[in-house]
Amino acid sequence: MDTGFALLLMAALVLSVLFSLLQQRTYSRATKRLGTSFIGAKDHFLVSGRGKGFLRGAIVLMVVDSSTTKIVAAEAMVGGTVLAYFKPRPELLGDLDTAVLRTSEKKMTEAVDYATKQYWVTYKNNAAAAARK
């Protein structure tokens, strides 16, 4: 094995780790930003969903008001690189049940559907825990 080839592989591995950490930090900051903007609001849930693809994917973050089942805030990261970032998605605001119909991209639709399912599971678990108290 040539030393140059081994160094090239090591450099690729290091870049992969750095880009993964960068993307994780972007996700962390977006969830923290959305979570803290609704920190005093009662009955609001922050849910996320993802649509995975071979080259492109989507991650969506939605804040849902459980008293009205309306999406009050939504951001999404859509793209094929680790340099993608979260952008507000005003088309998702509104009724939770029709949010999937308001998306136009395939991976975004999968992410919204996943987040919607996550909301209903979280809501049911929260309601069951409140009933036990």
Protein backbone atom coordinates (compact mmCIF):
# COMPACT_ATOMS: atom_id res chain seq x y z
CA MET A 1 0.00 0.00 0.00
CA ASP A 2 1.32 3.38 -0.98
CA THR A 3 1.79 5.95 1.80
CA GLY A 4 0.11 8.68 -0.27
CA PHE A 5 -3.01 6.58 -0.70
CA ALA A 6 -3.18 5.87 3.04
CA LEU A 7 -2.85 9.59 3.79
CA LEU A 8 -5.61 10.35 1.30
CA LEU A 9 -7.91 7.84 3.01
CA MET A 10 -7.10 9.29 6.44
CA ALA A 11 -7.83 12.82 5.20
CA ALA A 12 -11.18 11.67 3.78
CA LEU A 13 -12.05 10.02 7.10
CA VAL A 14 -11.16 13.13 9.09
CA LEU A 15 -13.20 15.35 6.74
CA SER A 16 -16.15 13.00 7.04
CA VAL A 17 -16.05 13.20 10.83
CA LEU A 18 -15.72 17.00 10.79
CA PHE A 19 -18.62 17.44 8.39
CA SER A 20 -20.78 15.09 10.47
CA LEU A 21 -20.04 17.11 13.59
CA LEU A 22 -20.86 20.32 11.74
CA GLN A 23 -24.22 18.96 10.61
CA GLN A 24 -25.03 17.69 14.10
CA ARG A 25 -24.22 21.12 15.54
CA THR A 26 -26.51 22.78 12.98
CA TYR A 27 -29.35 20.45 14.02
CA SER A 28 -28.68 21.06 17.72
CA ARG A 29 -28.74 24.82 17.31
CA ALA A 30 -31.97 24.75 15.31
CA THR A 31 -33.77 22.58 17.89
CA LYS A 32 -32.51 24.78 20.71
CA ARG A 33 -33.60 27.95 18.88
CA LEU A 34 -37.11 26.62 18.21
CA GLY A 35 -37.43 25.07 21.65
CA THR A 36 -36.43 28.20 23.56
CA SER A 37 -38.68 30.45 21.46
CA PHE A 38 -41.70 28.52 22.80
CA ILE A 39 -40.36 27.77 26.27
CA GLY A 40 -43.24 29.36 28.20
CA ALA A 41 -45.99 28.19 25.86
CA LYS A 42 -48.18 25.47 27.26
CA ASP A 43 -49.20 22.47 25.15
CA HIS A 44 -46.59 23.03 22.44
CA PHE A 45 -44.54 20.13 21.12
CA LEU A 46 -41.32 20.25 19.12
CA VAL A 47 -41.12 17.30 16.74
CA SER A 48 -38.71 16.39 13.98
CA GLY A 49 -38.82 14.12 10.99
CA ARG A 50 -36.47 13.03 8.27
CA GLY A 51 -36.68 11.83 4.73
CA LYS A 52 -33.57 9.89 3.76
CA GLY A 53 -32.24 9.50 0.27
CA PHE A 54 -29.05 8.21 -1.31
CA LEU A 55 -27.78 11.64 -2.31
CA ARG A 56 -30.37 14.09 -0.96
CA GLY A 57 -32.48 14.19 2.14
CA ALA A 58 -34.60 16.42 4.33
CA ILE A 59 -34.99 17.11 8.03
CA VAL A 60 -37.97 19.08 9.30
CA LEU A 61 -38.57 20.64 12.73
CA MET A 62 -42.12 21.65 13.63
CA VAL A 63 -43.67 23.21 16.73
CA VAL A 64 -47.25 22.01 17.11
CA ASP A 65 -49.89 23.59 19.37
CA SER A 66 -51.74 20.58 20.76
CA SER A 67 -54.87 22.54 21.71
CA THR A 68 -55.54 23.41 18.05
CA THR A 69 -53.29 20.85 16.26
CA LYS A 70 -51.81 23.71 14.26
CA ILE A 71 -48.18 24.02 13.26
CA VAL A 72 -47.02 27.36 14.67
CA ALA A 73 -43.38 27.19 13.54
CA ALA A 74 -41.53 25.07 11.00
CA GLU A 75 -37.99 24.90 9.68
CA ALA A 76 -36.41 22.44 7.28
CA MET A 77 -32.97 21.46 6.07
CA VAL A 78 -33.14 20.09 2.54
CA GLY A 79 -30.15 19.19 0.47
CA GLY A 80 -27.45 16.84 -0.51
CA THR A 81 -24.47 18.29 1.30
CA VAL A 82 -23.40 18.79 4.86
CA LEU A 83 -23.39 22.52 4.19
CA ALA A 84 -27.20 22.68 4.08
CA TYR A 85 -28.85 24.67 6.85
CA PHE A 86 -32.30 25.14 8.36
CA LYS A 87 -34.64 27.63 6.70
CA PRO A 88 -38.12 28.72 7.81
CA ARG A 89 -40.88 26.94 5.89
CA PRO A 90 -44.02 29.11 6.01
CA GLU A 91 -45.90 26.73 3.69
CA LEU A 92 -46.02 24.19 6.53
CA LEU A 93 -47.74 26.54 8.99
CA GLY A 94 -51.37 25.69 9.60
CA ASP A 95 -53.31 22.50 10.16
CA LEU A 96 -51.14 19.51 11.06
CA ASP A 97 -53.29 16.97 9.23
CA THR A 98 -52.86 18.68 5.85
CA ALA A 99 -49.17 19.60 6.20
CA VAL A 100 -48.08 16.66 4.02
CA LEU A 101 -50.26 17.98 1.19
CA ARG A 102 -48.55 21.39 1.35
CA THR A 103 -45.09 20.03 0.51
CA SER A 104 -43.81 19.65 -3.02
CA GLU A 105 -40.54 17.73 -2.60
CA LYS A 106 -40.54 13.95 -2.12
CA LYS A 107 -38.04 13.82 0.77
CA MET A 108 -39.70 16.81 2.43
CA THR A 109 -43.05 14.99 2.27
CA GLU A 110 -41.49 11.95 3.94
CA ALA A 111 -39.97 14.15 6.66
CA VAL A 112 -43.27 15.93 7.39
CA ASP A 113 -45.12 12.61 7.48
CA TYR A 114 -42.55 11.21 9.93
CA ALA A 115 -42.78 14.32 12.14
CA THR A 116 -46.58 14.15 12.12
CA LYS A 117 -46.49 10.53 13.27
CA GLN A 118 -43.97 11.46 15.95
CA TYR A 119 -46.29 14.22 17.19
CA TRP A 120 -49.24 11.86 17.59
CA VAL A 121 -47.13 9.30 19.48
CA THR A 122 -45.72 12.01 21.75
CA TYR A 123 -49.15 13.56 22.30
CA LYS A 124 -50.73 10.22 23.23
CA ASN A 125 -47.90 9.38 25.63
CA ASN A 126 -48.16 12.83 27.23
CA ALA A 127 -51.95 12.55 27.57
CA ALA A 128 -51.64 9.09 29.13
CA ALA A 129 -49.04 10.34 31.62
CA ALA A 130 -51.25 13.31 32.55
CA ALA A 131 -54.23 10.99 33.11
CA ARG A 132 -52.21 8.87 35.55
CA LYS A 133 -51.40 11.86 37.74
